[in-house]
């Protein structure tokens, strides 16, 4: 009979009070999870963007327009913006150095699509990306800028070893003949009767 007895109004008021006390805590936890996930997504996208941009710049060869990749400032910036599509990109800096940030000797200006710098063996392309992050629902907070950088050594000339262990051929020499294939031995059949073989 107690199961079918309606609860007094006092029990409903107590449940409503408990819900009102716990609701702000639940909303704060939910907001924290959403904001943390958004911040991690922006961080990952920007970090990937700067690495892919420096890889693009360090690739060997030329692009479709015949420009070396390390001179293609426009292509480097477009690669960074493509991978950081969710982040708010503020600045992309492209510099050339001799192996350390202190040895920078040239830079891609922001308003140019191509650099005229000529790199030597061991030179690097150093890409720095700055993105802005601001929380969604906290309107009075200031914007926070995150800076990511990545550098890769430029690959210009590749020497192929075409003479085996004796040396390398860079052009002008004769190509050695291909090795003659050795025929595989013919297996001897095993005599069998039914399922029995010997």
N, C-alpha and C. Protein backbone atom coordinates (compact mmCIF):
# COMPACT_ATOMS: atom_id res chain seq x y z
N UNK A 1 0.83 -1.20 0.00
CA UNK A 1 0.00 0.00 0.00
C UNK A 1 0.87 1.26 0.00
N UNK A 2 2.08 1.18 0.57
CA UNK A 2 2.93 2.36 0.60
C UNK A 2 3.38 2.75 -0.81
N UNK A 3 3.44 1.74 -1.70
CA UNK A 3 3.88 2.02 -3.03
C UNK A 3 2.92 2.93 -3.78
N UNK A 4 1.68 2.82 -3.52
CA UNK A 4 0.67 3.60 -4.23
C UNK A 4 0.27 4.86 -3.48
N UNK A 5 0.90 5.10 -2.36
CA UNK A 5 0.57 6.31 -1.60
C UNK A 5 1.32 7.49 -2.19
N UNK A 6 0.67 8.55 -2.60
CA UNK A 6 1.37 9.69 -3.20
C UNK A 6 2.29 10.35 -2.18
N UNK A 7 3.41 10.91 -2.70
CA UNK A 7 4.37 11.59 -1.84
C UNK A 7 3.80 12.93 -1.39
N UNK A 8 4.14 13.32 -0.23
CA UNK A 8 3.68 14.63 0.23
C UNK A 8 4.37 15.73 -0.56
N UNK A 9 3.80 16.92 -0.64
CA UNK A 9 4.42 18.03 -1.38
C UNK A 9 5.81 18.39 -0.89
N UNK A 10 6.11 18.08 0.33
CA UNK A 10 7.41 18.41 0.89
C UNK A 10 8.54 17.66 0.18
N UNK A 11 8.29 16.38 -0.26
CA UNK A 11 9.31 15.59 -0.95
C UNK A 11 9.62 16.19 -2.31
N UNK A 12 8.60 16.66 -3.03
CA UNK A 12 8.85 17.30 -4.32
C UNK A 12 9.66 18.59 -4.16
N UNK A 13 9.39 19.36 -3.18
CA UNK A 13 10.16 20.58 -2.95
C UNK A 13 11.60 20.28 -2.61
N UNK A 14 11.86 19.21 -1.89
CA UNK A 14 13.23 18.84 -1.56
C UNK A 14 14.00 18.41 -2.80
N UNK A 15 13.37 17.65 -3.70
CA UNK A 15 14.05 17.23 -4.94
C UNK A 15 14.36 18.43 -5.83
N UNK A 16 13.43 19.38 -5.90
CA UNK A 16 13.67 20.57 -6.71
C UNK A 16 14.82 21.40 -6.15
N UNK A 17 14.92 21.48 -4.85
CA UNK A 17 16.02 22.22 -4.23
C UNK A 17 17.36 21.54 -4.49
N UNK A 18 17.39 20.23 -4.38
CA UNK A 18 18.64 19.50 -4.65
C UNK A 18 19.07 19.68 -6.11
N UNK A 19 18.11 19.65 -7.03
CA UNK A 19 18.44 19.84 -8.44
C UNK A 19 18.97 21.25 -8.70
N UNK A 20 18.35 22.25 -8.06
CA UNK A 20 18.81 23.62 -8.23
C UNK A 20 20.23 23.82 -7.68
N UNK A 21 20.57 23.09 -6.63
CA UNK A 21 21.92 23.21 -6.07
C UNK A 21 22.97 22.53 -6.94
N UNK A 22 22.61 21.42 -7.57
CA UNK A 22 23.60 20.65 -8.34
C UNK A 22 23.70 21.11 -9.78
N UNK A 23 22.70 21.83 -10.31
CA UNK A 23 22.70 22.23 -11.72
C UNK A 23 23.89 23.13 -12.09
N UNK A 24 24.25 24.17 -11.33
CA UNK A 24 25.42 24.97 -11.72
C UNK A 24 26.71 24.16 -11.79
N UNK A 25 26.86 23.20 -10.90
CA UNK A 25 28.07 22.38 -10.93
C UNK A 25 28.09 21.52 -12.19
N UNK A 26 26.95 20.94 -12.57
CA UNK A 26 26.89 20.13 -13.79
C UNK A 26 27.17 20.98 -15.02
N UNK A 27 26.60 22.18 -15.08
CA UNK A 27 26.85 23.06 -16.22
C UNK A 27 28.31 23.48 -16.30
N UNK A 28 28.93 23.74 -15.17
CA UNK A 28 30.34 24.13 -15.16
C UNK A 28 31.23 22.99 -15.64
N UNK A 29 30.93 21.78 -15.21
CA UNK A 29 31.72 20.62 -15.66
C UNK A 29 31.53 20.40 -17.16
N UNK A 30 30.29 20.52 -17.65
CA UNK A 30 30.04 20.35 -19.08
C UNK A 30 30.77 21.40 -19.91
N UNK A 31 30.72 22.65 -19.44
CA UNK A 31 31.42 23.73 -20.16
C UNK A 31 32.93 23.50 -20.15
N UNK A 32 33.46 23.04 -19.04
CA UNK A 32 34.89 22.77 -18.97
C UNK A 32 35.32 21.68 -19.95
N UNK A 33 34.50 20.63 -20.08
CA UNK A 33 34.84 19.56 -21.02
C UNK A 33 34.82 20.08 -22.45
N UNK A 34 33.78 20.87 -22.80
CA UNK A 34 33.68 21.41 -24.16
C UNK A 34 34.85 22.35 -24.46
N UNK A 35 35.17 23.23 -23.54
CA UNK A 35 36.23 24.22 -23.77
C UNK A 35 37.60 23.55 -23.83
N UNK A 36 37.82 22.56 -22.98
CA UNK A 36 39.09 21.84 -23.02
C UNK A 36 39.26 21.09 -24.35
N UNK A 37 38.18 20.45 -24.82
CA UNK A 37 38.24 19.76 -26.10
C UNK A 37 38.50 20.72 -27.26
N UNK A 38 37.87 21.89 -27.22
CA UNK A 38 38.10 22.89 -28.27
C UNK A 38 39.53 23.40 -28.24
N UNK A 39 40.06 23.64 -27.05
CA UNK A 39 41.45 24.11 -26.95
C UNK A 39 42.43 23.06 -27.46
N UNK A 40 42.20 21.80 -27.17
CA UNK A 40 43.08 20.74 -27.65
C UNK A 40 42.98 20.60 -29.16
N UNK A 41 41.78 20.80 -29.72
CA UNK A 41 41.63 20.71 -31.17
C UNK A 41 42.39 21.84 -31.86
N UNK A 42 42.29 23.06 -31.33
CA UNK A 42 43.02 24.19 -31.90
C UNK A 42 44.53 23.96 -31.80
N UNK A 43 44.98 23.47 -30.66
CA UNK A 43 46.40 23.21 -30.46
C UNK A 43 46.91 22.16 -31.46
N UNK A 44 46.17 21.07 -31.62
CA UNK A 44 46.59 20.01 -32.54
C UNK A 44 46.58 20.49 -33.98
N UNK A 45 45.54 21.23 -34.38
CA UNK A 45 45.46 21.72 -35.75
C UNK A 45 46.60 22.67 -36.07
N UNK A 46 46.91 23.59 -35.16
CA UNK A 46 47.99 24.54 -35.40
C UNK A 46 49.36 23.85 -35.42
N UNK A 47 49.57 22.90 -34.54
CA UNK A 47 50.83 22.18 -34.51
C UNK A 47 51.04 21.37 -35.78
N UNK A 48 49.97 20.72 -36.26
CA UNK A 48 50.06 19.98 -37.51
C UNK A 48 50.29 20.92 -38.69
N UNK A 49 49.64 22.08 -38.68
CA UNK A 49 49.77 23.03 -39.78
C UNK A 49 51.19 23.52 -39.94
N UNK A 50 51.85 23.86 -38.84
CA UNK A 50 53.21 24.39 -38.96
C UNK A 50 54.19 23.30 -39.38
N UNK A 51 53.97 22.06 -38.97
CA UNK A 51 54.84 20.97 -39.39
C UNK A 51 54.66 20.67 -40.88
N UNK A 52 53.42 20.65 -41.35
CA UNK A 52 53.18 20.37 -42.77
C UNK A 52 53.70 21.50 -43.65
N UNK A 53 53.62 22.74 -43.19
CA UNK A 53 54.14 23.86 -43.97
C UNK A 53 55.66 23.77 -44.11
N UNK A 54 56.35 23.42 -43.04
CA UNK A 54 57.80 23.29 -43.13
C UNK A 54 58.21 22.08 -43.97
N UNK A 55 57.42 21.03 -43.94
CA UNK A 55 57.70 19.87 -44.81
C UNK A 55 57.52 20.24 -46.28
N UNK A 56 56.48 21.01 -46.56
CA UNK A 56 56.26 21.46 -47.94
C UNK A 56 57.45 22.28 -48.41
N UNK A 57 57.95 23.17 -47.57
CA UNK A 57 59.07 24.03 -47.96
C UNK A 57 60.36 23.25 -48.14
N UNK A 58 60.53 22.15 -47.42
CA UNK A 58 61.79 21.40 -47.48
C UNK A 58 61.79 20.32 -48.54
N UNK A 59 60.70 20.17 -49.29
CA UNK A 59 60.64 19.11 -50.29
C UNK A 59 61.60 19.40 -51.44
N UNK A 60 62.10 18.34 -52.06
CA UNK A 60 63.00 18.48 -53.20
C UNK A 60 62.21 18.73 -54.47
N UNK A 61 62.80 19.50 -55.37
CA UNK A 61 62.16 19.75 -56.66
C UNK A 61 61.43 21.07 -56.71
N UNK A 62 60.60 21.20 -57.74
CA UNK A 62 59.85 22.42 -58.00
C UNK A 62 58.35 22.14 -57.99
N UNK A 63 57.57 23.20 -57.81
CA UNK A 63 56.11 23.07 -57.86
C UNK A 63 55.64 23.11 -59.32
N UNK A 64 54.33 23.21 -59.53
CA UNK A 64 53.78 23.19 -60.88
C UNK A 64 54.22 24.39 -61.72
N UNK A 65 54.58 25.48 -61.07
CA UNK A 65 55.01 26.68 -61.79
C UNK A 65 56.52 26.72 -62.01
N UNK A 66 57.23 25.68 -61.62
CA UNK A 66 58.67 25.63 -61.78
C UNK A 66 59.45 26.36 -60.72
N UNK A 67 58.81 26.69 -59.60
CA UNK A 67 59.46 27.40 -58.50
C UNK A 67 59.89 26.38 -57.45
N UNK A 68 61.13 26.46 -56.96
CA UNK A 68 61.51 25.55 -55.85
C UNK A 68 60.58 25.73 -54.66
N UNK A 69 60.30 24.64 -53.99
CA UNK A 69 59.33 24.69 -52.89
C UNK A 69 59.75 25.66 -51.79
N UNK A 70 61.04 25.76 -51.53
CA UNK A 70 61.46 26.65 -50.44
C UNK A 70 61.32 28.12 -50.81
N UNK A 71 61.19 28.44 -52.12
CA UNK A 71 60.96 29.80 -52.54
C UNK A 71 59.47 30.13 -52.70
N UNK A 72 58.62 29.13 -52.63
CA UNK A 72 57.18 29.32 -52.85
C UNK A 72 56.53 29.79 -51.54
N UNK A 73 56.65 31.08 -51.24
CA UNK A 73 56.09 31.61 -49.99
C UNK A 73 54.57 31.47 -49.96
N UNK A 74 53.92 31.68 -51.09
CA UNK A 74 52.47 31.56 -51.15
C UNK A 74 52.03 30.14 -50.87
N UNK A 75 52.70 29.16 -51.45
CA UNK A 75 52.35 27.76 -51.21
C UNK A 75 52.58 27.33 -49.77
N UNK A 76 53.64 27.85 -49.15
CA UNK A 76 53.90 27.52 -47.74
C UNK A 76 52.79 28.07 -46.86
N UNK A 77 52.38 29.32 -47.10
CA UNK A 77 51.30 29.92 -46.30
C UNK A 77 49.97 29.21 -46.54
N UNK A 78 49.68 28.86 -47.78
CA UNK A 78 48.43 28.15 -48.07
C UNK A 78 48.40 26.78 -47.42
N UNK A 79 49.53 26.09 -47.36
CA UNK A 79 49.59 24.79 -46.69
C UNK A 79 49.30 24.95 -45.20
N UNK A 80 49.88 25.96 -44.57
CA UNK A 80 49.63 26.19 -43.14
C UNK A 80 48.17 26.54 -42.88
N UNK A 81 47.58 27.39 -43.70
CA UNK A 81 46.18 27.77 -43.50
C UNK A 81 45.23 26.61 -43.79
N UNK A 82 45.61 25.73 -44.71
CA UNK A 82 44.76 24.58 -45.02
C UNK A 82 44.64 23.64 -43.83
N UNK A 83 45.74 23.38 -43.14
CA UNK A 83 45.70 22.45 -42.01
C UNK A 83 45.22 23.12 -40.73
N UNK A 84 45.28 24.45 -40.65
CA UNK A 84 44.80 25.17 -39.47
C UNK A 84 43.48 25.86 -39.77
N UNK A 85 42.59 25.17 -40.48
CA UNK A 85 41.34 25.80 -40.91
C UNK A 85 40.44 26.14 -39.73
N UNK A 86 40.52 25.40 -38.63
CA UNK A 86 39.64 25.65 -37.49
C UNK A 86 40.22 26.72 -36.57
N UNK A 87 41.52 26.90 -36.59
CA UNK A 87 42.17 27.89 -35.73
C UNK A 87 42.16 29.26 -36.41
N UNK A 88 42.20 30.29 -35.61
CA UNK A 88 42.23 31.66 -36.12
C UNK A 88 43.69 32.07 -36.31
N UNK A 89 44.18 31.94 -37.55
CA UNK A 89 45.58 32.23 -37.85
C UNK A 89 45.79 33.74 -37.83
N UNK A 90 46.76 34.20 -37.05
CA UNK A 90 47.09 35.61 -36.95
C UNK A 90 48.32 35.99 -37.78
N UNK A 91 49.31 35.12 -37.82
CA UNK A 91 50.55 35.46 -38.51
C UNK A 91 51.28 34.18 -38.91
N UNK A 92 51.91 34.22 -40.10
CA UNK A 92 52.75 33.13 -40.58
C UNK A 92 54.09 33.74 -40.99
N UNK A 93 55.15 33.35 -40.32
CA UNK A 93 56.49 33.89 -40.62
C UNK A 93 57.35 32.77 -41.20
N UNK A 94 58.03 33.08 -42.31
CA UNK A 94 58.88 32.11 -43.00
C UNK A 94 60.30 32.69 -43.02
N UNK A 95 61.23 31.97 -42.42
CA UNK A 95 62.62 32.42 -42.33
C UNK A 95 63.56 31.32 -42.82
N UNK A 96 64.76 31.73 -43.20
CA UNK A 96 65.80 30.81 -43.66
C UNK A 96 67.02 30.97 -42.76
N UNK A 97 67.57 29.85 -42.28
CA UNK A 97 68.73 29.92 -41.41
C UNK A 97 69.74 28.84 -41.77
N UNK A 98 70.86 28.86 -41.06
CA UNK A 98 71.97 27.93 -41.32
C UNK A 98 71.96 26.72 -40.38
N UNK A 99 70.89 26.50 -39.69
CA UNK A 99 70.82 25.34 -38.80
C UNK A 99 70.38 25.67 -37.41
N UNK A 100 70.29 26.96 -37.06
CA UNK A 100 69.82 27.37 -35.74
C UNK A 100 69.06 28.68 -35.91
N UNK A 101 68.10 28.96 -35.02
CA UNK A 101 67.34 30.22 -35.14
C UNK A 101 68.20 31.47 -35.06
N UNK A 102 69.39 31.38 -34.43
CA UNK A 102 70.27 32.55 -34.32
C UNK A 102 70.99 32.88 -35.62
N UNK A 103 70.97 31.94 -36.58
CA UNK A 103 71.70 32.14 -37.84
C UNK A 103 70.78 32.51 -39.00
N UNK A 104 69.66 33.17 -38.73
CA UNK A 104 68.71 33.55 -39.78
C UNK A 104 69.36 34.59 -40.70
N UNK A 105 69.26 34.35 -42.01
CA UNK A 105 69.88 35.28 -42.96
C UNK A 105 68.89 35.82 -43.99
N UNK A 106 67.66 35.30 -44.05
CA UNK A 106 66.68 35.81 -45.02
C UNK A 106 65.28 35.50 -44.49
N UNK A 107 64.30 36.15 -45.12
CA UNK A 107 62.92 36.01 -44.69
C UNK A 107 61.99 36.24 -45.87
N UNK A 108 60.84 35.57 -45.86
CA UNK A 108 59.78 35.81 -46.85
C UNK A 108 58.91 36.96 -46.34
N UNK A 109 58.89 38.11 -47.00
CA UNK A 109 58.01 39.19 -46.55
C UNK A 109 56.55 38.78 -46.63
N UNK A 110 55.70 39.32 -45.78
CA UNK A 110 54.29 38.89 -45.77
C UNK A 110 53.54 39.18 -47.07
N UNK A 111 53.97 40.19 -47.82
CA UNK A 111 53.21 40.59 -49.01
C UNK A 111 53.80 40.03 -50.30
N UNK A 112 54.71 39.06 -50.23
CA UNK A 112 55.29 38.48 -51.44
C UNK A 112 54.87 37.03 -51.57
N UNK A 113 54.75 36.58 -52.82
CA UNK A 113 54.39 35.20 -53.10
C UNK A 113 55.59 34.32 -53.36
N UNK A 114 56.74 34.94 -53.61
CA UNK A 114 57.94 34.16 -53.94
C UNK A 114 59.17 34.84 -53.37
N UNK A 115 60.09 34.01 -52.86
CA UNK A 115 61.36 34.52 -52.35
C UNK A 115 62.45 34.26 -53.37
N UNK A 116 63.42 35.14 -53.44
CA UNK A 116 64.55 35.00 -54.37
C UNK A 116 65.79 34.43 -53.70
N UNK A 117 65.66 33.99 -52.47
CA UNK A 117 66.81 33.45 -51.75
C UNK A 117 67.22 32.12 -52.36
N UNK A 118 68.52 31.87 -52.42
CA UNK A 118 69.08 30.60 -52.91
C UNK A 118 69.76 29.91 -51.73
N UNK A 119 69.30 28.71 -51.42
CA UNK A 119 69.81 27.98 -50.27
C UNK A 119 70.92 27.02 -50.68
N UNK A 120 71.80 26.74 -49.74
CA UNK A 120 72.87 25.78 -49.92
C UNK A 120 72.57 24.53 -49.11
N UNK A 121 73.43 23.53 -49.25
CA UNK A 121 73.25 22.29 -48.51
C UNK A 121 73.36 22.56 -47.01
N UNK A 122 72.41 22.08 -46.26
CA UNK A 122 72.38 22.27 -44.81
C UNK A 122 71.54 23.43 -44.34
N UNK A 123 71.05 24.28 -45.25
CA UNK A 123 70.20 25.40 -44.86
C UNK A 123 68.80 24.90 -44.52
N UNK A 124 68.11 25.64 -43.66
CA UNK A 124 66.79 25.24 -43.20
C UNK A 124 65.74 26.30 -43.53
N UNK A 125 64.49 25.83 -43.60
CA UNK A 125 63.33 26.72 -43.66
C UNK A 125 62.64 26.65 -42.31
N UNK A 126 62.46 27.80 -41.67
CA UNK A 126 61.88 27.87 -40.34
C UNK A 126 60.54 28.59 -40.44
N UNK A 127 59.45 27.87 -40.14
CA UNK A 127 58.09 28.41 -40.23
C UNK A 127 57.56 28.62 -38.82
N UNK A 128 57.03 29.81 -38.56
CA UNK A 128 56.43 30.15 -37.27
C UNK A 128 54.97 30.55 -37.50
N UNK A 129 54.08 29.91 -36.75
CA UNK A 129 52.64 30.14 -36.90
C UNK A 129 52.07 30.64 -35.58
N UNK A 130 51.30 31.73 -35.65
CA UNK A 130 50.65 32.30 -34.47
C UNK A 130 49.14 32.21 -34.65
N UNK A 131 48.46 31.58 -33.68
CA UNK A 131 47.00 31.45 -33.73
C UNK A 131 46.41 32.08 -32.47
N UNK A 132 45.17 32.51 -32.60
CA UNK A 132 44.47 33.15 -31.49
C UNK A 132 43.44 32.18 -30.92
N UNK A 133 43.33 32.21 -29.59
CA UNK A 133 42.34 31.36 -28.91
C UNK A 133 41.59 32.22 -27.90
N UNK A 134 40.27 32.10 -27.93
CA UNK A 134 39.42 32.82 -26.98
C UNK A 134 38.28 31.90 -26.56
N UNK A 135 37.99 31.81 -25.27
CA UNK A 135 36.88 30.96 -24.82
C UNK A 135 35.55 31.37 -25.44
N UNK A 136 34.64 30.42 -25.54
CA UNK A 136 33.37 30.66 -26.22
C UNK A 136 32.43 31.53 -25.41
N UNK A 137 32.23 31.22 -24.14
CA UNK A 137 31.17 31.84 -23.36
C UNK A 137 31.67 32.86 -22.33
N UNK A 138 32.96 32.99 -22.17
CA UNK A 138 33.49 33.97 -21.22
C UNK A 138 33.83 35.24 -22.01
N UNK A 139 32.92 36.18 -22.05
CA UNK A 139 33.04 37.33 -22.94
C UNK A 139 34.07 38.34 -22.45
N UNK A 140 34.37 38.38 -21.19
CA UNK A 140 35.28 39.39 -20.65
C UNK A 140 36.74 38.96 -20.67
N UNK A 141 37.02 37.77 -21.17
CA UNK A 141 38.40 37.29 -21.18
C UNK A 141 39.12 37.81 -22.43
N UNK A 142 40.41 38.05 -22.30
CA UNK A 142 41.21 38.51 -23.42
C UNK A 142 41.62 37.34 -24.30
N UNK A 143 41.97 37.66 -25.54
CA UNK A 143 42.44 36.65 -26.48
C UNK A 143 43.83 36.20 -26.09
N UNK A 144 44.08 34.91 -26.27
CA UNK A 144 45.39 34.34 -25.98
C UNK A 144 46.00 33.88 -27.30
N UNK A 145 47.24 34.29 -27.56
CA UNK A 145 47.94 33.90 -28.78
C UNK A 145 48.91 32.77 -28.47
N UNK A 146 48.83 31.72 -29.29
CA UNK A 146 49.75 30.59 -29.19
C UNK A 146 50.68 30.62 -30.40
N UNK A 147 51.95 30.36 -30.18
CA UNK A 147 52.95 30.37 -31.25
C UNK A 147 53.55 28.97 -31.39
N UNK A 148 53.61 28.50 -32.63
CA UNK A 148 54.18 27.19 -32.94
C UNK A 148 55.25 27.40 -34.01
N UNK A 149 56.31 26.62 -33.96
CA UNK A 149 57.34 26.73 -34.98
C UNK A 149 57.89 25.36 -35.32
N UNK A 150 58.36 25.25 -36.55
CA UNK A 150 58.94 24.00 -37.04
C UNK A 150 59.96 24.34 -38.12
N UNK A 151 61.04 23.59 -38.18
CA UNK A 151 62.10 23.83 -39.17
C UNK A 151 62.53 22.51 -39.78
N UNK A 152 62.81 22.56 -41.08
CA UNK A 152 63.29 21.38 -41.80
C UNK A 152 64.45 21.78 -42.70
N UNK A 153 65.42 20.90 -42.83
CA UNK A 153 66.53 21.12 -43.75
C UNK A 153 66.06 20.88 -45.17
N UNK A 154 66.41 21.80 -46.06
CA UNK A 154 65.95 21.74 -47.44
C UNK A 154 66.74 20.68 -48.19
N UNK A 155 66.02 19.84 -48.95
CA UNK A 155 66.64 18.82 -49.80
C UNK A 155 66.75 19.40 -51.20
N UNK A 156 67.98 19.57 -51.69
CA UNK A 156 68.18 20.15 -53.02
C UNK A 156 68.66 19.13 -54.03
N UNK A 157 69.81 18.51 -53.78
CA UNK A 157 70.42 17.57 -54.73
C UNK A 157 70.44 16.19 -54.11
N UNK A 158 69.97 15.21 -54.85
CA UNK A 158 69.97 13.83 -54.40
C UNK A 158 70.90 13.03 -55.30
N UNK A 159 71.90 12.38 -54.70
CA UNK A 159 72.85 11.57 -55.45
C UNK A 159 72.46 10.11 -55.31
N UNK A 160 72.27 9.44 -56.44
CA UNK A 160 71.86 8.04 -56.43
C UNK A 160 73.08 7.15 -56.62
N UNK A 161 73.17 6.10 -55.85
CA UNK A 161 74.26 5.12 -55.96
C UNK A 161 73.83 4.07 -56.97
N UNK A 162 74.39 4.15 -58.20
CA UNK A 162 73.98 3.22 -59.26
C UNK A 162 75.05 2.20 -59.60
N UNK A 163 76.21 2.23 -58.92
CA UNK A 163 77.28 1.28 -59.24
C UNK A 163 77.49 0.28 -58.11
N UNK A 164 76.52 0.12 -57.23
CA UNK A 164 76.67 -0.80 -56.13
C UNK A 164 77.50 -0.19 -55.02
N UNK A 165 78.30 -1.01 -54.34
CA UNK A 165 79.09 -0.53 -53.22
C UNK A 165 80.38 0.13 -53.65
N UNK A 166 80.69 0.12 -54.95
CA UNK A 166 81.96 0.67 -55.41
C UNK A 166 81.98 2.18 -55.51
N UNK A 167 80.85 2.85 -55.62
CA UNK A 167 80.84 4.30 -55.77
C UNK A 167 79.49 4.76 -56.24
N UNK A 168 79.39 6.04 -56.53
CA UNK A 168 78.13 6.61 -56.95
C UNK A 168 78.29 7.26 -58.30
N UNK A 169 77.23 7.28 -59.07
CA UNK A 169 77.22 7.90 -60.38
C UNK A 169 76.25 9.04 -60.36
N UNK A 170 76.73 10.24 -60.69
CA UNK A 170 75.88 11.43 -60.70
C UNK A 170 75.50 11.84 -62.11
N UNK A 171 75.93 11.14 -63.10
CA UNK A 171 75.57 11.49 -64.47
C UNK A 171 76.80 11.40 -65.36
N UNK A 172 76.60 11.05 -66.63
CA UNK A 172 77.69 10.98 -67.58
C UNK A 172 78.32 9.62 -67.69
N UNK A 173 78.12 8.74 -66.75
CA UNK A 173 78.72 7.42 -66.79
C UNK A 173 77.76 6.41 -67.39
N UNK A 174 78.28 5.22 -67.67
CA UNK A 174 77.44 4.17 -68.23
C UNK A 174 76.73 3.43 -67.11
N UNK A 175 75.55 3.00 -67.43
CA UNK A 175 74.75 2.26 -66.45
C UNK A 175 75.12 0.79 -66.51
N UNK A 176 75.42 0.15 -65.38
CA UNK A 176 75.79 -1.27 -65.42
C UNK A 176 74.61 -2.12 -65.85
N UNK A 177 74.92 -3.25 -66.51
CA UNK A 177 73.81 -4.12 -66.96
C UNK A 177 73.09 -4.74 -65.78
N UNK A 178 71.82 -5.05 -65.95
CA UNK A 178 71.09 -5.67 -64.85
C UNK A 178 71.60 -7.09 -64.60
N UNK A 179 71.49 -7.57 -63.37
CA UNK A 179 71.97 -8.94 -63.07
C UNK A 179 71.14 -9.99 -63.79
N UNK A 180 71.83 -11.05 -64.18
CA UNK A 180 71.16 -12.16 -64.88
C UNK A 180 70.41 -13.00 -63.86
N UNK A 181 69.13 -13.23 -64.10
CA UNK A 181 68.38 -14.04 -63.12
C UNK A 181 68.82 -15.49 -63.14
N UNK A 182 68.90 -16.09 -61.99
CA UNK A 182 69.28 -17.50 -61.83
C UNK A 182 68.02 -18.35 -61.78
N UNK A 183 67.90 -19.36 -62.66
CA UNK A 183 66.68 -20.18 -62.63
C UNK A 183 66.57 -20.98 -61.33
N UNK A 184 65.36 -21.09 -60.83
CA UNK A 184 65.12 -21.85 -59.60
C UNK A 184 65.14 -23.34 -59.90
N UNK A 185 65.66 -24.13 -58.96
CA UNK A 185 65.69 -25.59 -59.21
C UNK A 185 64.28 -26.16 -59.25
N UNK A 186 64.11 -27.17 -60.13
CA UNK A 186 62.81 -27.82 -60.28
C UNK A 186 62.63 -28.83 -59.15
N UNK A 187 61.52 -28.71 -58.38
CA UNK A 187 61.33 -29.66 -57.27
C UNK A 187 61.04 -31.07 -57.78
N UNK A 188 61.54 -32.07 -57.05
CA UNK A 188 61.32 -33.47 -57.40
C UNK A 188 59.99 -33.92 -56.82
N UNK A 189 59.10 -34.50 -57.65
CA UNK A 189 57.79 -34.92 -57.11
C UNK A 189 57.94 -36.09 -56.13
N UNK A 190 57.11 -36.08 -55.10
CA UNK A 190 57.11 -37.13 -54.08
C UNK A 190 56.07 -38.17 -54.47
N UNK A 191 56.47 -39.47 -54.52
CA UNK A 191 55.49 -40.51 -54.91
C UNK A 191 54.43 -40.69 -53.81
N UNK A 192 53.17 -40.76 -54.24
CA UNK A 192 52.06 -40.91 -53.31
C UNK A 192 51.07 -41.92 -53.86
N UNK A 193 50.42 -42.63 -52.95
CA UNK A 193 49.31 -43.51 -53.28
C UNK A 193 48.17 -43.14 -52.34
N UNK A 194 47.11 -42.54 -52.88
CA UNK A 194 46.03 -42.08 -52.03
C UNK A 194 46.50 -40.96 -51.14
N UNK A 195 46.34 -41.16 -49.82
CA UNK A 195 46.78 -40.15 -48.84
C UNK A 195 48.14 -40.46 -48.26
N UNK A 196 48.79 -41.53 -48.73
CA UNK A 196 50.06 -41.94 -48.16
C UNK A 196 51.19 -41.55 -49.11
N UNK A 197 52.16 -40.78 -48.61
CA UNK A 197 53.32 -40.35 -49.39
C UNK A 197 54.59 -40.79 -48.69
N UNK A 198 55.63 -41.09 -49.46
CA UNK A 198 56.91 -41.48 -48.86
C UNK A 198 58.06 -40.84 -49.59
